Amino acid sequence: YAVEAAVALAVLLATDAAARTRRVRTVLPLVGWVAAT
């Protein structure tokens, strides 16, 4: 349960970061997003 609670918040942060990458023109954001999820 502790790890799941931490992962839920990490998912929120990762989603927020992925939604703010409009100025980056490489595939790195996509790769990082896929790996994190």
PDB file of all heavy atoms in Angstrom:
ATOM      1  N   TYR A   1       0.799  -1.219   0.000  1.00  0.00           N
ATOM      2  CA  TYR A   1       0.000   0.000   0.000  1.00  0.00           C
ATOM      3  C   TYR A   1       0.837   1.277   0.000  1.00  0.00           C
ATOM      4  O   TYR A   1       0.449   2.284  -0.604  1.00  0.00           O
ATOM      5  CB  TYR A   1      -0.961  -0.001   1.196  1.00  0.00           C
ATOM      6  CG  TYR A   1      -1.813  -1.240   1.269  1.00  0.00           C
ATOM      7  CD1 TYR A   1      -1.860  -2.011   2.421  1.00  0.00           C
ATOM      8  CD2 TYR A   1      -2.556  -1.665   0.162  1.00  0.00           C
ATOM      9  CE1 TYR A   1      -2.637  -3.166   2.488  1.00  0.00           C
ATOM     10  CE2 TYR A   1      -3.330  -2.815   0.223  1.00  0.00           C
ATOM     11  CZ  TYR A   1      -3.360  -3.558   1.389  1.00  0.00           C
ATOM     12  OH  TYR A   1      -4.110  -4.703   1.440  1.00  0.00           O
ATOM     13  N   ALA A   2       1.969   1.277   0.674  1.00  0.00           N
ATOM     14  CA  ALA A   2       2.814   2.474   0.719  1.00  0.00           C
ATOM     15  C   ALA A   2       3.388   2.788  -0.650  1.00  0.00           C
ATOM     16  O   ALA A   2       3.380   3.944  -1.097  1.00  0.00           O
ATOM     17  CB  ALA A   2       3.932   2.289   1.737  1.00  0.00           C
ATOM     18  N   VAL A   3       3.885   1.772  -1.333  1.00  0.00           N
ATOM     19  CA  VAL A   3       4.451   1.979  -2.667  1.00  0.00           C
ATOM     20  C   VAL A   3       3.359   2.414  -3.629  1.00  0.00           C
ATOM     21  O   VAL A   3       3.572   3.291  -4.482  1.00  0.00           O
ATOM     22  CB  VAL A   3       5.144   0.699  -3.154  1.00  0.00           C
ATOM     23  CG1 VAL A   3       5.571   0.823  -4.610  1.00  0.00           C
ATOM     24  CG2 VAL A   3       6.355   0.398  -2.271  1.00  0.00           C
ATOM     25  N   GLU A   4       2.173   1.843  -3.515  1.00  0.00           N
ATOM     26  CA  GLU A   4       1.070   2.237  -4.397  1.00  0.00           C
ATOM     27  C   GLU A   4       0.683   3.695  -4.175  1.00  0.00           C
ATOM     28  O   GLU A   4       0.378   4.419  -5.132  1.00  0.00           O
ATOM     29  CB  GLU A   4      -0.127   1.322  -4.165  1.00  0.00           C
ATOM     30  CG  GLU A   4       0.114  -0.093  -4.679  1.00  0.00           C
ATOM     31  CD  GLU A   4      -1.112  -0.970  -4.588  1.00  0.00           C
ATOM     32  OE1 GLU A   4      -1.990  -0.689  -3.745  1.00  0.00           O
ATOM     33  OE2 GLU A   4      -1.218  -1.947  -5.360  1.00  0.00           O
ATOM     34  N   ALA A   5       0.682   4.138  -2.923  1.00  0.00           N
ATOM     35  CA  ALA A   5       0.361   5.534  -2.636  1.00  0.00           C
ATOM     36  C   ALA A   5       1.398   6.470  -3.244  1.00  0.00           C
ATOM     37  O   ALA A   5       1.057   7.539  -3.783  1.00  0.00           O
ATOM     38  CB  ALA A   5       0.276   5.749  -1.122  1.00  0.00           C
ATOM     39  N   ALA A   6       2.674   6.082  -3.182  1.00  0.00           N
ATOM     40  CA  ALA A   6       3.732   6.905  -3.768  1.00  0.00           C
ATOM     41  C   ALA A   6       3.635   6.925  -5.291  1.00  0.00           C
ATOM     42  O   ALA A   6       3.802   7.975  -5.926  1.00  0.00           O
ATOM     43  CB  ALA A   6       5.098   6.376  -3.335  1.00  0.00           C
ATOM     44  N   VAL A   7       3.351   5.777  -5.885  1.00  0.00           N
ATOM     45  CA  VAL A   7       3.262   5.689  -7.343  1.00  0.00           C
ATOM     46  C   VAL A   7       2.101   6.528  -7.867  1.00  0.00           C
ATOM     47  O   VAL A   7       2.206   7.159  -8.926  1.00  0.00           O
ATOM     48  CB  VAL A   7       3.125   4.219  -7.786  1.00  0.00           C
ATOM     49  CG1 VAL A   7       2.771   4.122  -9.270  1.00  0.00           C
ATOM     50  CG2 VAL A   7       4.419   3.465  -7.514  1.00  0.00           C
ATOM     51  N   ALA A   8       0.986   6.573  -7.142  1.00  0.00           N
ATOM     52  CA  ALA A   8      -0.157   7.377  -7.581  1.00  0.00           C
ATOM     53  C   ALA A   8       0.227   8.847  -7.731  1.00  0.00           C
ATOM     54  O   ALA A   8      -0.135   9.507  -8.716  1.00  0.00           O
ATOM     55  CB  ALA A   8      -1.312   7.227  -6.593  1.00  0.00           C
ATOM     56  N   LEU A   9       0.990   9.371  -6.773  1.00  0.00           N
ATOM     57  CA  LEU A   9       1.428  10.768  -6.857  1.00  0.00           C
ATOM     58  C   LEU A   9       2.485  10.950  -7.940  1.00  0.00           C
ATOM     59  O   LEU A   9       2.494  11.976  -8.642  1.00  0.00           O
ATOM     60  CB  LEU A   9       1.978  11.218  -5.507  1.00  0.00           C
ATOM     61  CG  LEU A   9       0.969  11.274  -4.356  1.00  0.00           C
ATOM     62  CD1 LEU A   9       1.646  11.751  -3.075  1.00  0.00           C
ATOM     63  CD2 LEU A   9      -0.208  12.177  -4.701  1.00  0.00           C
ATOM     64  N   ALA A  10       3.373   9.966  -8.083  1.00  0.00           N
ATOM     65  CA  ALA A  10       4.381  10.045  -9.140  1.00  0.00           C
ATOM     66  C   ALA A  10       3.722  10.048 -10.517  1.00  0.00           C
ATOM     67  O   ALA A  10       4.181  10.754 -11.429  1.00  0.00           O
ATOM     68  CB  ALA A  10       5.357   8.870  -9.018  1.00  0.00           C
ATOM     69  N   VAL A  11       2.653   9.291 -10.673  1.00  0.00           N
ATOM     70  CA  VAL A  11       1.907   9.278 -11.943  1.00  0.00           C
ATOM     71  C   VAL A  11       1.319  10.652 -12.229  1.00  0.00           C
ATOM     72  O   VAL A  11       1.346  11.132 -13.375  1.00  0.00           O
ATOM     73  CB  VAL A  11       0.808   8.198 -11.899  1.00  0.00           C
ATOM     74  CG1 VAL A  11      -0.216   8.412 -13.006  1.00  0.00           C
ATOM     75  CG2 VAL A  11       1.421   6.814 -12.026  1.00  0.00           C
ATOM     76  N   LEU A  12       0.784  11.313 -11.204  1.00  0.00           N
ATOM     77  CA  LEU A  12       0.241  12.661 -11.397  1.00  0.00           C
ATOM     78  C   LEU A  12       1.324  13.632 -11.850  1.00  0.00           C
ATOM     79  O   LEU A  12       1.103  14.434 -12.774  1.00  0.00           O
ATOM     80  CB  LEU A  12      -0.397  13.147 -10.096  1.00  0.00           C
ATOM     81  CG  LEU A  12      -1.780  12.580  -9.756  1.00  0.00           C
ATOM     82  CD1 LEU A  12      -2.137  12.865  -8.308  1.00  0.00           C
ATOM     83  CD2 LEU A  12      -2.842  13.161 -10.690  1.00  0.00           C
ATOM     84  N   LEU A  13       2.475  13.573 -11.215  1.00  0.00           N
ATOM     85  CA  LEU A  13       3.574  14.462 -11.612  1.00  0.00           C
ATOM     86  C   LEU A  13       4.064  14.157 -13.018  1.00  0.00           C
ATOM     87  O   LEU A  13       4.332  15.070 -13.813  1.00  0.00           O
ATOM     88  CB  LEU A  13       4.735  14.327 -10.626  1.00  0.00           C
ATOM     89  CG  LEU A  13       4.725  15.230  -9.398  1.00  0.00           C
ATOM     90  CD1 LEU A  13       5.923  14.935  -8.519  1.00  0.00           C
ATOM     91  CD2 LEU A  13       4.699  16.699  -9.786  1.00  0.00           C
ATOM     92  N   ALA A  14       4.181  12.865 -13.335  1.00  0.00           N
ATOM     93  CA  ALA A  14       4.647  12.481 -14.670  1.00  0.00           C
ATOM     94  C   ALA A  14       3.644  12.908 -15.742  1.00  0.00           C
ATOM     95  O   ALA A  14       4.037  13.364 -16.828  1.00  0.00           O
ATOM     96  CB  ALA A  14       4.864  10.972 -14.730  1.00  0.00           C
ATOM     97  N   THR A  15       2.369  12.774 -15.457  1.00  0.00           N
ATOM     98  CA  THR A  15       1.343  13.198 -16.418  1.00  0.00           C
ATOM     99  C   THR A  15       1.384  14.697 -16.641  1.00  0.00           C
ATOM    100  O   THR A  15       1.271  15.188 -17.769  1.00  0.00           O
ATOM    101  CB  THR A  15      -0.050  12.774 -15.925  1.00  0.00           C
ATOM    102  OG1 THR A  15      -0.048  11.372 -15.633  1.00  0.00           O
ATOM    103  CG2 THR A  15      -1.113  13.062 -16.967  1.00  0.00           C
ATOM    104  N   ASP A  16       1.556  15.441 -15.557  1.00  0.00           N
ATOM    105  CA  ASP A  16       1.661  16.894 -15.681  1.00  0.00           C
ATOM    106  C   ASP A  16       2.872  17.276 -16.521  1.00  0.00           C
ATOM    107  O   ASP A  16       2.793  18.164 -17.385  1.00  0.00           O
ATOM    108  CB  ASP A  16       1.777  17.509 -14.283  1.00  0.00           C
ATOM    109  CG  ASP A  16       1.934  19.016 -14.334  1.00  0.00           C
ATOM    110  OD1 ASP A  16       1.024  19.689 -14.854  1.00  0.00           O
ATOM    111  OD2 ASP A  16       2.974  19.514 -13.865  1.00  0.00           O
ATOM    112  N   ALA A  17       4.007  16.594 -16.301  1.00  0.00           N
ATOM    113  CA  ALA A  17       5.216  16.892 -17.081  1.00  0.00           C
ATOM    114  C   ALA A  17       5.021  16.539 -18.548  1.00  0.00           C
ATOM    115  O   ALA A  17       5.426  17.298 -19.448  1.00  0.00           O
ATOM    116  CB  ALA A  17       6.402  16.115 -16.505  1.00  0.00           C
ATOM    117  N   ALA A  18       4.377  15.387 -18.816  1.00  0.00           N
ATOM    118  CA  ALA A  18       4.162  14.976 -20.200  1.00  0.00           C
ATOM    119  C   ALA A  18       3.218  15.924 -20.937  1.00  0.00           C
ATOM    120  O   ALA A  18       3.330  16.120 -22.148  1.00  0.00           O
ATOM    121  CB  ALA A  18       3.601  13.559 -20.237  1.00  0.00           C
ATOM    122  N   ALA A  19       2.304  16.519 -20.216  1.00  0.00           N
ATOM    123  CA  ALA A  19       1.349  17.434 -20.844  1.00  0.00           C
ATOM    124  C   ALA A  19       1.935  18.815 -21.093  1.00  0.00           C
ATOM    125  O   ALA A  19       1.285  19.661 -21.701  1.00  0.00           O
ATOM    126  CB  ALA A  19       0.106  17.567 -19.969  1.00  0.00           C
ATOM    127  N   ARG A  20       3.169  19.052 -20.657  1.00  0.00           N
ATOM    128  CA  ARG A  20       3.793  20.372 -20.803  1.00  0.00           C
ATOM    129  C   ARG A  20       5.035  20.320 -21.688  1.00  0.00           C
ATOM    130  O   ARG A  20       5.925  21.139 -21.560  1.00  0.00           O
ATOM    131  CB  ARG A  20       4.170  20.934 -19.429  1.00  0.00           C
ATOM    132  CG  ARG A  20       2.983  21.140 -18.508  1.00  0.00           C
ATOM    133  CD  ARG A  20       3.429  21.583 -17.123  1.00  0.00           C
ATOM    134  NE  ARG A  20       2.321  21.708 -16.211  1.00  0.00           N
ATOM    135  CZ  ARG A  20       1.541  22.778 -16.102  1.00  0.00           C
ATOM    136  NH1 ARG A  20       1.783  23.839 -16.859  1.00  0.00           N
ATOM    137  NH2 ARG A  20       0.532  22.814 -15.252  1.00  0.00           N
ATOM    138  N   THR A  21       5.097  19.401 -22.611  1.00  0.00           N
ATOM    139  CA  THR A  21       6.306  19.230 -23.433  1.00  0.00           C
ATOM    140  C   THR A  21       6.130  19.784 -24.837  1.00  0.00           C
ATOM    141  O   THR A  21       6.836  19.400 -25.757  1.00  0.00           O
ATOM    142  CB  THR A  21       6.655  17.732 -23.528  1.00  0.00           C
ATOM    143  OG1 THR A  21       5.539  17.021 -24.087  1.00  0.00           O
ATOM    144  CG2 THR A  21       6.969  17.162 -22.167  1.00  0.00           C
ATOM    145  N   ARG A  22       5.192  20.689 -25.035  1.00  0.00           N
ATOM    146  CA  ARG A  22       4.879  21.145 -26.398  1.00  0.00           C
ATOM    147  C   ARG A  22       6.046  21.885 -27.067  1.00  0.00           C
ATOM    148  O   ARG A  22       6.063  22.028 -28.280  1.00  0.00           O
ATOM    149  CB  ARG A  22       3.642  22.032 -26.381  1.00  0.00           C
ATOM    150  CG  ARG A  22       3.720  23.217 -25.417  1.00  0.00           C
ATOM    151  CD  ARG A  22       2.376  23.928 -25.347  1.00  0.00           C
ATOM    152  NE  ARG A  22       2.372  25.051 -24.423  1.00  0.00           N
ATOM    153  CZ  ARG A  22       2.135  24.917 -23.125  1.00  0.00           C
ATOM    154  NH1 ARG A  22       1.955  23.723 -22.613  1.00  0.00           N
ATOM    155  NH2 ARG A  22       2.132  25.976 -22.333  1.00  0.00           N
ATOM    156  N   ARG A  23       7.015  22.356 -26.283  1.00  0.00           N
ATOM    157  CA  ARG A  23       8.130  23.085 -26.886  1.00  0.00           C
ATOM    158  C   ARG A  23       9.319  22.175 -27.227  1.00  0.00           C
ATOM    159  O   ARG A  23      10.302  22.618 -27.764  1.00  0.00           O
ATOM    160  CB  ARG A  23       8.595  24.189 -25.934  1.00  0.00           C
ATOM    161  CG  ARG A  23       7.530  25.269 -25.707  1.00  0.00           C
ATOM    162  CD  ARG A  23       8.049  26.338 -24.774  1.00  0.00           C
ATOM    163  NE  ARG A  23       7.046  27.361 -24.523  1.00  0.00           N
ATOM    164  CZ  ARG A  23       7.208  28.403 -23.713  1.00  0.00           C
ATOM    165  NH1 ARG A  23       8.369  28.564 -23.085  1.00  0.00           N
ATOM    166  NH2 ARG A  23       6.245  29.276 -23.542  1.00  0.00           N
ATOM    167  N   VAL A  24       9.234  20.896 -26.806  1.00  0.00           N
ATOM    168  CA  VAL A  24      10.324  19.961 -27.062  1.00  0.00           C
ATOM    169  C   VAL A  24      10.034  19.209 -28.346  1.00  0.00           C
ATOM    170  O   VAL A  24       8.962  18.664 -28.524  1.00  0.00           O
ATOM    171  CB  VAL A  24      10.475  18.974 -25.886  1.00  0.00           C
ATOM    172  CG1 VAL A  24      11.629  18.023 -26.142  1.00  0.00           C
ATOM    173  CG2 VAL A  24      10.688  19.740 -24.587  1.00  0.00           C
ATOM    174  N   ARG A  25      11.004  19.151 -29.254  1.00  0.00           N
ATOM    175  CA  ARG A  25      10.767  18.560 -30.577  1.00  0.00           C
ATOM    176  C   ARG A  25      11.582  17.282 -30.778  1.00  0.00           C
ATOM    177  O   ARG A  25      12.035  16.982 -31.870  1.00  0.00           O
ATOM    178  CB  ARG A  25      11.106  19.576 -31.673  1.00  0.00           C
ATOM    179  CG  ARG A  25      10.296  20.858 -31.550  1.00  0.00           C
ATOM    180  CD  ARG A  25      10.539  21.799 -32.717  1.00  0.00           C
ATOM    181  NE  ARG A  25       9.751  23.010 -32.588  1.00  0.00           N
ATOM    182  CZ  ARG A  25       8.477  23.109 -32.932  1.00  0.00           C
ATOM    183  NH1 ARG A  25       7.856  22.058 -33.438  1.00  0.00           N
ATOM    184  NH2 ARG A  25       7.820  24.244 -32.789  1.00  0.00           N
ATOM    185  N   THR A  26      11.780  16.528 -29.725  1.00  0.00           N
ATOM    186  CA  THR A  26      12.465  15.244 -29.831  1.00  0.00           C
ATOM    187  C   THR A  26      11.536  14.155 -29.313  1.00  0.00           C
ATOM    188  O   THR A  26      10.466  14.427 -28.761  1.00  0.00           O
ATOM    189  CB  THR A  26      13.762  15.246 -29.001  1.00  0.00           C
ATOM    190  OG1 THR A  26      13.421  15.289 -27.605  1.00  0.00           O
ATOM    191  CG2 THR A  26      14.627  16.437 -29.362  1.00  0.00           C
ATOM    192  N   VAL A  27      11.975  12.907 -29.492  1.00  0.00           N
ATOM    193  CA  VAL A  27      11.162  11.780 -29.032  1.00  0.00           C
ATOM    194  C   VAL A  27      11.431  11.447 -27.568  1.00  0.00           C
ATOM    195  O   VAL A  27      10.782  10.561 -27.005  1.00  0.00           O
ATOM    196  CB  VAL A  27      11.441  10.531 -29.897  1.00  0.00           C
ATOM    197  CG1 VAL A  27      11.044  10.776 -31.327  1.00  0.00           C
ATOM    198  CG2 VAL A  27      12.906  10.118 -29.796  1.00  0.00           C
ATOM    199  N   LEU A  28      12.380  12.146 -26.947  1.00  0.00           N
ATOM    200  CA  LEU A  28      12.730  11.826 -25.566  1.00  0.00           C
ATOM    201  C   LEU A  28      11.547  11.948 -24.597  1.00  0.00           C
ATOM    202  O   LEU A  28      11.379  11.088 -23.727  1.00  0.00           O
ATOM    203  CB  LEU A  28      13.883  12.725 -25.100  1.00  0.00           C
ATOM    204  CG  LEU A  28      15.248  12.414 -25.732  1.00  0.00           C
ATOM    205  CD1 LEU A  28      16.294  13.384 -25.211  1.00  0.00           C
ATOM    206  CD2 LEU A  28      15.661  10.978 -25.412  1.00  0.00           C
ATOM    207  N   PRO A  29      10.714  12.995 -24.701  1.00  0.00           N
ATOM    208  CA  PRO A  29       9.564  13.050 -23.792  1.00  0.00           C
ATOM    209  C   PRO A  29       8.654  11.840 -23.927  1.00  0.00           C
ATOM    210  O   PRO A  29       8.165  11.313 -22.922  1.00  0.00           O
ATOM    211  CB  PRO A  29       8.847  14.339 -24.214  1.00  0.00           C
ATOM    212  CG  PRO A  29       9.904  15.167 -24.837  1.00  0.00           C
ATOM    213  CD  PRO A  29      10.797  14.210 -25.539  1.00  0.00           C
ATOM    214  N   LEU A  30       8.429  11.390 -25.146  1.00  0.00           N
ATOM    215  CA  LEU A  30       7.572  10.231 -25.359  1.00  0.00           C
ATOM    216  C   LEU A  30       8.201   8.980 -24.753  1.00  0.00           C
ATOM    217  O   LEU A  30       7.524   8.187 -24.083  1.00  0.00           O
ATOM    218  CB  LEU A  30       7.325  10.026 -26.854  1.00  0.00           C
ATOM    219  CG  LEU A  30       6.462   8.806 -27.222  1.00  0.00           C
ATOM    220  CD1 LEU A  30       5.085   8.923 -26.593  1.00  0.00           C
ATOM    221  CD2 LEU A  30       6.357   8.668 -28.742  1.00  0.00           C
ATOM    222  N   VAL A  31       9.494   8.791 -24.960  1.00  0.00           N
ATOM    223  CA  VAL A  31      10.187   7.620 -24.410  1.00  0.00           C
ATOM    224  C   VAL A  31      10.130   7.645 -22.881  1.00  0.00           C
ATOM    225  O   VAL A  31       9.852   6.630 -22.223  1.00  0.00           O
ATOM    226  CB  VAL A  31      11.644   7.583 -24.899  1.00  0.00           C
ATOM    227  CG1 VAL A  31      12.422   6.480 -24.181  1.00  0.00           C
ATOM    228  CG2 VAL A  31      11.689   7.367 -26.406  1.00  0.00           C
ATOM    229  N   GLY A  32      10.406   8.803 -22.300  1.00  0.00           N
ATOM    230  CA  GLY A  32      10.367   8.914 -20.844  1.00  0.00           C
ATOM    231  C   GLY A  32       8.980   8.660 -20.290  1.00  0.00           C
ATOM    232  O   GLY A  32       8.820   7.991 -19.261  1.00  0.00           O
ATOM    233  N   TRP A  33       7.968   9.184 -20.977  1.00  0.00           N
ATOM    234  CA  TRP A  33       6.583   8.991 -20.551  1.00  0.00           C
ATOM    235  C   TRP A  33       6.194   7.512 -20.614  1.00  0.00           C
ATOM    236  O   TRP A  33       5.601   6.972 -19.674  1.00  0.00           O
ATOM    237  CB  TRP A  33       5.676   9.842 -21.419  1.00  0.00           C
ATOM    238  CG  TRP A  33       4.199   9.629 -21.280  1.00  0.00           C
ATOM    239  CD1 TRP A  33       3.331   9.290 -22.261  1.00  0.00           C
ATOM    240  CD2 TRP A  33       3.404   9.794 -20.106  1.00  0.00           C
ATOM    241  NE1 TRP A  33       2.053   9.209 -21.779  1.00  0.00           N
ATOM    242  CE2 TRP A  33       2.069   9.514 -20.452  1.00  0.00           C
ATOM    243  CE3 TRP A  33       3.691  10.133 -18.786  1.00  0.00           C
ATOM    244  CZ2 TRP A  33       1.023   9.564 -19.533  1.00  0.00           C
ATOM    245  CZ3 TRP A  33       2.649  10.173 -17.859  1.00  0.00           C
ATOM    246  CH2 TRP A  33       1.341   9.894 -18.234  1.00  0.00           C
ATOM    247  N   VAL A  34       6.539   6.848 -21.682  1.00  0.00           N
ATOM    248  CA  VAL A  34       6.228   5.422 -21.833  1.00  0.00           C
ATOM    249  C   VAL A  34       6.935   4.615 -20.740  1.00  0.00           C
ATOM    250  O   VAL A  34       6.336   3.740 -20.099  1.00  0.00           O
ATOM    251  CB  VAL A  34       6.624   4.916 -23.229  1.00  0.00           C
ATOM    252  CG1 VAL A  34       6.523   3.399 -23.293  1.00  0.00           C
ATOM    253  CG2 VAL A  34       5.745   5.543 -24.293  1.00  0.00           C
ATOM    254  N   ALA A  35       8.225   4.898 -20.520  1.00  0.00           N
ATOM    255  CA  ALA A  35       8.989   4.152 -19.516  1.00  0.00           C
ATOM    256  C   ALA A  35       8.404   4.352 -18.117  1.00  0.00           C
ATOM    257  O   ALA A  35       8.257   3.394 -17.346  1.00  0.00           O
ATOM    258  CB  ALA A  35      10.451   4.591 -19.550  1.00  0.00           C
ATOM    259  N   ALA A  36       8.052   5.601 -17.798  1.00  0.00           N
ATOM    260  CA  ALA A  36       7.520   5.892 -16.466  1.00  0.00           C
ATOM    261  C   ALA A  36       6.208   5.166 -16.218  1.00  0.00           C
ATOM    262  O   ALA A  36       5.984   4.601 -15.136  1.00  0.00           O
ATOM    263  CB  ALA A  36       7.330   7.406 -16.304  1.00  0.00           C
ATOM    264  N   THR A  37       5.333   5.160 -17.209  1.00  0.00           N
ATOM    265  CA  THR A  37       4.029   4.513 -17.033  1.00  0.00           C
ATOM    266  C   THR A  37       4.157   2.993 -16.968  1.00  0.00           C
ATOM    267  O   THR A  37       3.425   2.335 -16.220  1.00  0.00           O
ATOM    268  CB  THR A  37       3.076   4.918 -18.156  1.00  0.00           C
ATOM    269  OG1 THR A  37       3.685   4.641 -19.429  1.00  0.00           O
ATOM    270  CG2 THR A  37       2.738   6.400 -18.074  1.00  0.00           C
TER     271      THR A  37
END
